[in-house]
Amino acid sequence: MTDKETILIVEDDLDLVETLRLTLEGGGYAVRAANDLETGLARADADRPDLILLDVMMPDSTEGFQFIWRLRQRPEEYFRKVPVIMLTAVTERTGLRFYPAGEGGGYPAGQPVPVQDFIDKPVDPDRLLERVSKALVAAWRKG
């Protein structure tokens, strides 16, 4: 067991998973990964990560949304509290946003998608570490 905070990456792009892993491990985090909805939910159950990075679009189109709704409906408090940051390339590809434009544009948990933040792809490594740290502090009252 490690004292490092654990981040679960649920993302089907294996190259991006490796890039995120290197960034997060360089930032002092332990990293686990899953490439689809079912594996991600199983890893969340087994590993109880401190934070989840979740891709919106995976093999079955909007699996990210299915993942978050199924996660948040579980009866244990952990599943309602664990911070989730969604990663999306939708804005880059279509101009559509799931959140307001501008700095810190994430919705509060539960409105309308129960996640703590959204990060556009391509992901800037420094920005990723900053947003992960902020979400961890807010969720678990650390720091």
C-alpha atoms as a PDB file:
ATOM      1  CA  MET A   1       0.000   0.000   0.000  1.00  0.00           C
ATOM      2  CA  THR A   2       1.159   3.512  -0.729  1.00  0.00           C
ATOM      3  CA  ASP A   3       0.650   6.884   0.921  1.00  0.00           C
ATOM      4  CA  LYS A   4       0.245   8.483  -2.497  1.00  0.00           C
ATOM      5  CA  GLU A   5      -3.180   9.600  -3.593  1.00  0.00           C
ATOM      6  CA  THR A   6      -4.536   7.318  -6.300  1.00  0.00           C
ATOM      7  CA  ILE A   7      -6.010   8.510  -9.575  1.00  0.00           C
ATOM      8  CA  LEU A   8      -8.112   6.179 -11.728  1.00  0.00           C
ATOM      9  CA  ILE A   9      -8.028   7.025 -15.436  1.00  0.00           C
ATOM     10  CA  VAL A  10     -11.030   5.703 -17.396  1.00  0.00           C
ATOM     11  CA  GLU A  11     -10.065   6.354 -21.018  1.00  0.00           C
ATOM     12  CA  ASP A  12     -10.050   4.244 -24.187  1.00  0.00           C
ATOM     13  CA  ASP A  13      -7.128   6.035 -25.904  1.00  0.00           C
ATOM     14  CA  LEU A  14      -4.125   4.040 -24.664  1.00  0.00           C
ATOM     15  CA  ASP A  15      -1.627   6.676 -25.798  1.00  0.00           C
ATOM     16  CA  LEU A  16      -3.470   9.336 -23.811  1.00  0.00           C
ATOM     17  CA  VAL A  17      -3.653   7.014 -20.797  1.00  0.00           C
ATOM     18  CA  GLU A  18       0.131   6.680 -20.895  1.00  0.00           C
ATOM     19  CA  THR A  19       0.618  10.435 -21.262  1.00  0.00           C
ATOM     20  CA  LEU A  20      -1.721  11.104 -18.339  1.00  0.00           C
ATOM     21  CA  ARG A  21      -0.027   8.382 -16.292  1.00  0.00           C
ATOM     22  CA  LEU A  22       3.417   9.938 -16.793  1.00  0.00           C
ATOM     23  CA  THR A  23       2.129  13.406 -15.890  1.00  0.00           C
ATOM     24  CA  LEU A  24       0.300  12.217 -12.786  1.00  0.00           C
ATOM     25  CA  GLU A  25       3.093   9.952 -11.559  1.00  0.00           C
ATOM     26  CA  GLY A  26       5.502  12.854 -12.091  1.00  0.00           C
ATOM     27  CA  GLY A  27       3.180  14.884  -9.866  1.00  0.00           C
ATOM     28  CA  GLY A  28       3.441  12.301  -7.092  1.00  0.00           C
ATOM     29  CA  TYR A  29       0.230  10.344  -7.654  1.00  0.00           C
ATOM     30  CA  ALA A  30      -0.303   6.605  -7.967  1.00  0.00           C
ATOM     31  CA  VAL A  31      -2.211   5.761 -11.145  1.00  0.00           C
ATOM     32  CA  ARG A  32      -4.607   2.988 -12.142  1.00  0.00           C
ATOM     33  CA  ALA A  33      -6.313   2.728 -15.525  1.00  0.00           C
ATOM     34  CA  ALA A  34      -9.345   1.210 -17.210  1.00  0.00           C
ATOM     35  CA  ASN A  35     -10.311   1.370 -20.876  1.00  0.00           C
ATOM     36  CA  ASP A  36     -14.116   1.068 -20.720  1.00  0.00           C
ATOM     37  CA  LEU A  37     -17.167   1.613 -18.561  1.00  0.00           C
ATOM     38  CA  GLU A  38     -17.433  -1.819 -16.927  1.00  0.00           C
ATOM     39  CA  THR A  39     -13.722  -2.139 -16.184  1.00  0.00           C
ATOM     40  CA  GLY A  40     -13.717   1.407 -14.818  1.00  0.00           C
ATOM     41  CA  LEU A  41     -16.577   0.684 -12.440  1.00  0.00           C
ATOM     42  CA  ALA A  42     -14.879  -2.523 -11.289  1.00  0.00           C
ATOM     43  CA  ARG A  43     -11.600  -0.635 -10.673  1.00  0.00           C
ATOM     44  CA  ALA A  44     -13.449   2.084  -8.749  1.00  0.00           C
ATOM     45  CA  ASP A  45     -14.996  -0.646  -6.579  1.00  0.00           C
ATOM     46  CA  ALA A  46     -11.728  -2.476  -5.999  1.00  0.00           C
ATOM     47  CA  ASP A  47      -9.255   0.417  -5.733  1.00  0.00           C
ATOM     48  CA  ARG A  48     -11.364   3.216  -4.212  1.00  0.00           C
ATOM     49  CA  PRO A  49      -9.272   5.900  -5.926  1.00  0.00           C
ATOM     50  CA  ASP A  50      -9.006   9.399  -4.496  1.00  0.00           C
ATOM     51  CA  LEU A  51     -10.039  10.882  -7.869  1.00  0.00           C
ATOM     52  CA  ILE A  52     -11.273   9.626 -11.246  1.00  0.00           C
ATOM     53  CA  LEU A  53     -10.312  11.098 -14.629  1.00  0.00           C
ATOM     54  CA  LEU A  54     -13.097  10.099 -16.997  1.00  0.00           C
ATOM     55  CA  ASP A  55     -13.293  10.320 -20.773  1.00  0.00           C
ATOM     56  CA  VAL A  56     -16.676  11.423 -22.116  1.00  0.00           C
ATOM     57  CA  MET A  57     -16.539   9.552 -25.430  1.00  0.00           C
ATOM     58  CA  MET A  58     -15.436   5.905 -25.318  1.00  0.00           C
ATOM     59  CA  PRO A  59     -16.224   2.839 -27.464  1.00  0.00           C
ATOM     60  CA  ASP A  60     -19.977   2.996 -26.877  1.00  0.00           C
ATOM     61  CA  SER A  61     -20.206   6.721 -27.643  1.00  0.00           C
ATOM     62  CA  THR A  62     -21.145   8.489 -24.397  1.00  0.00           C
ATOM     63  CA  GLU A  63     -19.905   5.840 -21.973  1.00  0.00           C
ATOM     64  CA  GLY A  64     -18.485   8.560 -19.737  1.00  0.00           C
ATOM     65  CA  PHE A  65     -21.970   9.834 -18.931  1.00  0.00           C
ATOM     66  CA  GLN A  66     -23.211   6.293 -18.313  1.00  0.00           C
ATOM     67  CA  PHE A  67     -20.229   5.704 -16.012  1.00  0.00           C
ATOM     68  CA  ILE A  68     -20.833   8.790 -13.873  1.00  0.00           C
ATOM     69  CA  TRP A  69     -24.553   8.186 -13.459  1.00  0.00           C
ATOM     70  CA  ARG A  70     -24.007   4.536 -12.510  1.00  0.00           C
ATOM     71  CA  LEU A  71     -21.188   5.476 -10.115  1.00  0.00           C
ATOM     72  CA  ARG A  72     -23.211   8.181  -8.351  1.00  0.00           C
ATOM     73  CA  GLN A  73     -26.250   5.880  -7.942  1.00  0.00           C
ATOM     74  CA  ARG A  74     -24.331   3.372  -5.835  1.00  0.00           C
ATOM     75  CA  PRO A  75     -25.475   3.362  -2.209  1.00  0.00           C
ATOM     76  CA  GLU A  76     -22.137   3.924  -0.476  1.00  0.00           C
ATOM     77  CA  GLU A  77     -21.197   7.517   0.352  1.00  0.00           C
ATOM     78  CA  TYR A  78     -17.751   7.082  -1.223  1.00  0.00           C
ATOM     79  CA  PHE A  79     -19.313   6.815  -4.702  1.00  0.00           C
ATOM     80  CA  ARG A  80     -21.234  10.060  -4.258  1.00  0.00           C
ATOM     81  CA  LYS A  81     -18.174  11.879  -2.868  1.00  0.00           C
ATOM     82  CA  VAL A  82     -15.211  10.726  -4.976  1.00  0.00           C
ATOM     83  CA  PRO A  83     -14.213  13.621  -7.246  1.00  0.00           C
ATOM     84  CA  VAL A  84     -14.528  13.019 -10.981  1.00  0.00           C
ATOM     85  CA  ILE A  85     -12.989  15.167 -13.688  1.00  0.00           C
ATOM     86  CA  MET A  86     -14.308  14.568 -17.196  1.00  0.00           C
ATOM     87  CA  LEU A  87     -11.951  14.782 -20.154  1.00  0.00           C
ATOM     88  CA  THR A  88     -13.509  15.841 -23.427  1.00  0.00           C
ATOM     89  CA  ALA A  89     -12.472  16.511 -27.000  1.00  0.00           C
ATOM     90  CA  VAL A  90     -16.036  17.424 -27.934  1.00  0.00           C
ATOM     91  CA  THR A  91     -15.365  21.155 -27.608  1.00  0.00           C
ATOM     92  CA  GLU A  92     -12.346  20.965 -29.894  1.00  0.00           C
ATOM     93  CA  ARG A  93     -14.184  18.895 -32.501  1.00  0.00           C
ATOM     94  CA  THR A  94     -17.633  20.502 -32.430  1.00  0.00           C
ATOM     95  CA  GLY A  95     -17.525  23.724 -30.420  1.00  0.00           C
ATOM     96  CA  LEU A  96     -20.152  22.249 -28.071  1.00  0.00           C
ATOM     97  CA  ARG A  97     -19.443  22.714 -24.365  1.00  0.00           C
ATOM     98  CA  PHE A  98     -20.776  20.725 -21.411  1.00  0.00           C
ATOM     99  CA  TYR A  99     -19.944  23.647 -19.114  1.00  0.00           C
ATOM    100  CA  PRO A 100     -19.769  27.445 -19.197  1.00  0.00           C
ATOM    101  CA  ALA A 101     -16.888  29.009 -21.126  1.00  0.00           C
ATOM    102  CA  GLY A 102     -14.088  30.698 -19.193  1.00  0.00           C
ATOM    103  CA  GLU A 103     -11.746  29.956 -16.328  1.00  0.00           C
ATOM    104  CA  GLY A 104     -12.863  27.393 -13.777  1.00  0.00           C
ATOM    105  CA  GLY A 105     -15.942  26.607 -15.849  1.00  0.00           C
ATOM    106  CA  GLY A 106     -16.890  23.351 -14.128  1.00  0.00           C
ATOM    107  CA  TYR A 107     -20.359  22.748 -12.759  1.00  0.00           C
ATOM    108  CA  PRO A 108     -20.857  22.079  -9.061  1.00  0.00           C
ATOM    109  CA  ALA A 109     -21.419  18.379  -8.391  1.00  0.00           C
ATOM    110  CA  GLY A 110     -24.884  17.351  -9.515  1.00  0.00           C
ATOM    111  CA  GLN A 111     -25.608  20.260 -11.860  1.00  0.00           C
ATOM    112  CA  PRO A 112     -26.294  18.942 -14.447  1.00  0.00           C
ATOM    113  CA  VAL A 113     -23.560  16.285 -14.629  1.00  0.00           C
ATOM    114  CA  PRO A 114     -22.376  15.178 -11.171  1.00  0.00           C
ATOM    115  CA  VAL A 115     -18.675  15.819 -11.694  1.00  0.00           C
ATOM    116  CA  GLN A 116     -16.309  18.338 -10.163  1.00  0.00           C
ATOM    117  CA  ASP A 117     -14.683  19.621 -13.337  1.00  0.00           C
ATOM    118  CA  PHE A 118     -14.262  19.297 -17.093  1.00  0.00           C
ATOM    119  CA  ILE A 119     -10.921  19.485 -18.890  1.00  0.00           C
ATOM    120  CA  ASP A 120     -10.691  19.922 -22.647  1.00  0.00           C
ATOM    121  CA  LYS A 121      -8.403  17.717 -24.693  1.00  0.00           C
ATOM    122  CA  PRO A 122      -5.624  18.088 -25.555  1.00  0.00           C
ATOM    123  CA  VAL A 123      -4.731  18.184 -21.872  1.00  0.00           C
ATOM    124  CA  ASP A 124      -2.065  20.620 -20.704  1.00  0.00           C
ATOM    125  CA  PRO A 125       0.066  18.733 -18.107  1.00  0.00           C
ATOM    126  CA  ASP A 126       0.480  21.664 -15.698  1.00  0.00           C
ATOM    127  CA  ARG A 127      -3.206  22.522 -15.908  1.00  0.00           C
ATOM    128  CA  LEU A 128      -4.101  18.867 -15.289  1.00  0.00           C
ATOM    129  CA  LEU A 129      -2.012  18.709 -12.112  1.00  0.00           C
ATOM    130  CA  GLU A 130      -3.474  21.996 -10.914  1.00  0.00           C
ATOM    131  CA  ARG A 131      -7.069  20.903 -11.485  1.00  0.00           C
ATOM    132  CA  VAL A 132      -6.493  17.444  -9.942  1.00  0.00           C
ATOM    133  CA  SER A 133      -4.971  19.011  -6.829  1.00  0.00           C
ATOM    134  CA  LYS A 134      -7.829  21.501  -6.524  1.00  0.00           C
ATOM    135  CA  ALA A 135     -10.483  18.771  -6.864  1.00  0.00           C
ATOM    136  CA  LEU A 136      -8.755  16.560  -4.296  1.00  0.00           C
ATOM    137  CA  VAL A 137      -8.517  19.377  -1.751  1.00  0.00           C
ATOM    138  CA  ALA A 138     -12.164  20.348  -2.232  1.00  0.00           C
ATOM    139  CA  ALA A 139     -13.473  16.776  -2.030  1.00  0.00           C
ATOM    140  CA  TRP A 140     -11.420  15.379   0.809  1.00  0.00           C
ATOM    141  CA  ARG A 141     -10.641  18.633   2.672  1.00  0.00           C
ATOM    142  CA  LYS A 142      -6.885  18.169   2.440  1.00  0.00           C
ATOM    143  CA  GLY A 143      -4.210  20.773   2.179  1.00  0.00           C
END
